């Protein structure tokens, strides 16, 4: 019962780590690891089949690919526009769009991509390890 109740707070902490990274220490990688540990806790306690019925584990590789695509786009789009790869946007002196205290800048988009990549890859690995021996004879 405790493990089931911990999933939502773990995901909220992961989101807080992702957002907090722009005001203090924190980042997408750490947030992805924390969220993946929440999924791992569920798999260890309830088993892969029960978690797969409640959470879309089969989408984990796609989530990782979306995160990789976002990270690559943040890297490549400035280069295609003639700027340096990973060029920060908005430019210095231009006020970014705010959502509360969160500034919408390219670093936020890149960290979301890293978060999705780490979460998707970690959950896919957890799912592959927890899966019964498919193909074993």
Protein backbone atom coordinates (compact mmCIF):
# COMPACT_ATOMS: atom_id res chain seq x y z
CA UNK A 1 0.00 0.00 0.00
CA UNK A 2 2.86 2.37 0.81
CA UNK A 3 4.55 1.72 -2.55
CA UNK A 4 1.33 2.54 -4.40
CA UNK A 5 0.94 5.76 -2.42
CA UNK A 6 4.55 6.79 -3.09
CA UNK A 7 4.35 6.85 -6.90
CA UNK A 8 2.58 10.22 -7.18
CA UNK A 9 4.89 12.02 -4.69
CA UNK A 10 7.94 10.54 -6.43
CA UNK A 11 6.74 11.89 -9.78
CA UNK A 12 6.03 15.29 -8.21
CA UNK A 13 9.56 15.36 -6.78
CA UNK A 14 10.94 14.48 -10.23
CA UNK A 15 8.97 17.35 -11.75
CA UNK A 16 10.21 19.68 -9.01
CA UNK A 17 13.81 18.67 -9.72
CA UNK A 18 13.26 19.33 -13.42
CA UNK A 19 11.79 22.78 -12.80
CA UNK A 20 14.06 23.73 -9.90
CA UNK A 21 17.12 23.33 -12.08
CA UNK A 22 16.65 26.81 -13.49
CA UNK A 23 16.61 28.58 -10.15
CA UNK A 24 19.08 26.38 -8.30
CA UNK A 25 20.73 22.96 -8.57
CA UNK A 26 18.75 20.38 -10.53
CA UNK A 27 18.36 19.01 -14.03
CA UNK A 28 16.55 16.71 -16.43
CA UNK A 29 18.91 13.80 -15.87
CA UNK A 30 18.31 13.68 -12.11
CA UNK A 31 14.57 14.13 -12.62
CA UNK A 32 14.50 11.23 -15.10
CA UNK A 33 16.39 8.98 -12.70
CA UNK A 34 14.03 9.82 -9.82
CA UNK A 35 10.95 9.13 -11.95
CA UNK A 36 12.45 5.85 -13.19
CA UNK A 37 13.15 4.82 -9.59
CA UNK A 38 9.47 5.37 -8.83
CA UNK A 39 8.57 2.98 -11.66
CA UNK A 40 11.22 0.52 -10.45
CA UNK A 41 9.68 0.56 -6.97
CA UNK A 42 6.31 -0.32 -8.47
CA UNK A 43 7.78 -3.18 -10.53
CA UNK A 44 9.68 -4.62 -7.55
CA UNK A 45 6.66 -4.48 -5.24
CA UNK A 46 3.78 -5.38 -7.58
CA UNK A 47 5.47 -7.25 -10.42
CA UNK A 48 5.88 -6.36 -14.06
CA UNK A 49 2.46 -7.56 -15.22
CA UNK A 50 0.53 -5.52 -12.64
CA UNK A 51 2.55 -2.39 -13.40
CA UNK A 52 2.27 -2.91 -17.16
CA UNK A 53 -1.51 -3.04 -16.73
CA UNK A 54 -1.51 0.26 -14.83
CA UNK A 55 1.32 2.16 -16.56
CA UNK A 56 2.12 2.23 -20.29
CA UNK A 57 5.53 0.53 -20.04
CA UNK A 58 5.40 -0.48 -23.71
CA UNK A 59 5.71 3.21 -24.68
CA UNK A 60 9.02 3.66 -22.86
CA UNK A 61 11.23 3.22 -25.97
CA UNK A 62 9.08 5.75 -27.85
CA UNK A 63 9.39 8.21 -24.95
CA UNK A 64 13.18 7.79 -25.08
CA UNK A 65 13.18 8.44 -28.82
CA UNK A 66 11.05 11.57 -28.40
CA UNK A 67 13.49 12.82 -25.76
CA UNK A 68 16.42 12.10 -28.06
CA UNK A 69 14.65 13.92 -30.88
CA UNK A 70 14.00 16.97 -28.69
CA UNK A 71 17.62 17.07 -27.58
CA UNK A 72 18.86 16.69 -31.13
CA UNK A 73 16.50 19.42 -32.35
CA UNK A 74 17.75 21.85 -29.70
CA UNK A 75 21.28 21.02 -30.87
CA UNK A 76 20.71 21.05 -34.63
CA UNK A 77 18.16 23.81 -35.28
CA UNK A 78 20.53 26.65 -34.40
CA UNK A 79 23.23 25.04 -36.54
CA UNK A 80 20.83 24.84 -39.48
CA UNK A 81 20.01 28.53 -38.99
CA UNK A 82 23.70 29.45 -39.14
CA UNK A 83 24.27 29.86 -35.41
CA UNK A 84 26.46 27.78 -33.12
CA UNK A 85 25.04 24.39 -32.07
CA UNK A 86 23.17 24.64 -28.76
CA UNK A 87 22.88 28.41 -29.17
CA UNK A 88 20.90 29.80 -26.24
CA UNK A 89 17.54 31.35 -27.11
CA UNK A 90 16.20 33.90 -26.49
CA UNK A 91 19.28 35.99 -27.11
CA UNK A 92 20.88 37.93 -24.25
CA UNK A 93 18.95 41.08 -23.49
CA UNK A 94 15.63 39.64 -24.72
CA UNK A 95 13.14 38.83 -22.00
CA UNK A 96 12.01 35.18 -22.13
CA UNK A 97 8.42 34.02 -21.75
CA UNK A 98 7.57 33.14 -18.14
CA UNK A 99 5.21 30.57 -16.65
CA UNK A 100 5.25 31.55 -13.02
CA UNK A 101 8.94 31.65 -12.11
CA UNK A 102 9.91 29.22 -14.91
CA UNK A 103 11.58 30.87 -17.89
CA UNK A 104 10.87 29.22 -21.24
CA UNK A 105 14.34 29.09 -22.77
CA UNK A 106 16.12 26.50 -24.89
CA UNK A 107 17.81 25.08 -21.79
CA UNK A 108 14.37 24.12 -20.46
CA UNK A 109 13.48 22.37 -23.72
CA UNK A 110 16.82 20.55 -23.74
CA UNK A 111 16.36 19.41 -20.13
CA UNK A 112 12.86 18.14 -20.91
CA UNK A 113 14.41 16.13 -23.74
CA UNK A 114 17.06 14.73 -21.40
CA UNK A 115 14.34 13.90 -18.84
CA UNK A 116 12.30 12.01 -21.42
CA UNK A 117 15.37 10.20 -22.76
CA UNK A 118 16.56 9.08 -19.32
CA UNK A 119 13.06 8.13 -18.14
CA UNK A 120 12.19 6.24 -21.32
CA UNK A 121 15.50 4.39 -21.55
CA UNK A 122 15.52 3.51 -17.85
CA UNK A 123 11.93 2.25 -17.86
CA UNK A 124 12.60 0.24 -21.04
CA UNK A 125 15.62 -1.38 -19.37
CA UNK A 126 13.62 -2.08 -16.20
CA UNK A 127 10.85 -3.60 -18.31
CA UNK A 128 13.30 -5.75 -20.27
CA UNK A 129 14.98 -7.04 -17.12
CA UNK A 130 11.66 -7.70 -15.37
CA UNK A 131 10.09 -9.40 -18.39
CA UNK A 132 9.87 -13.17 -18.17
CA UNK A 133 12.37 -14.98 -20.35
CA UNK A 134 10.84 -14.49 -23.76
CA UNK A 135 12.58 -16.66 -26.28
CA UNK A 136 14.20 -18.91 -23.67
CA UNK A 137 13.81 -22.60 -24.22
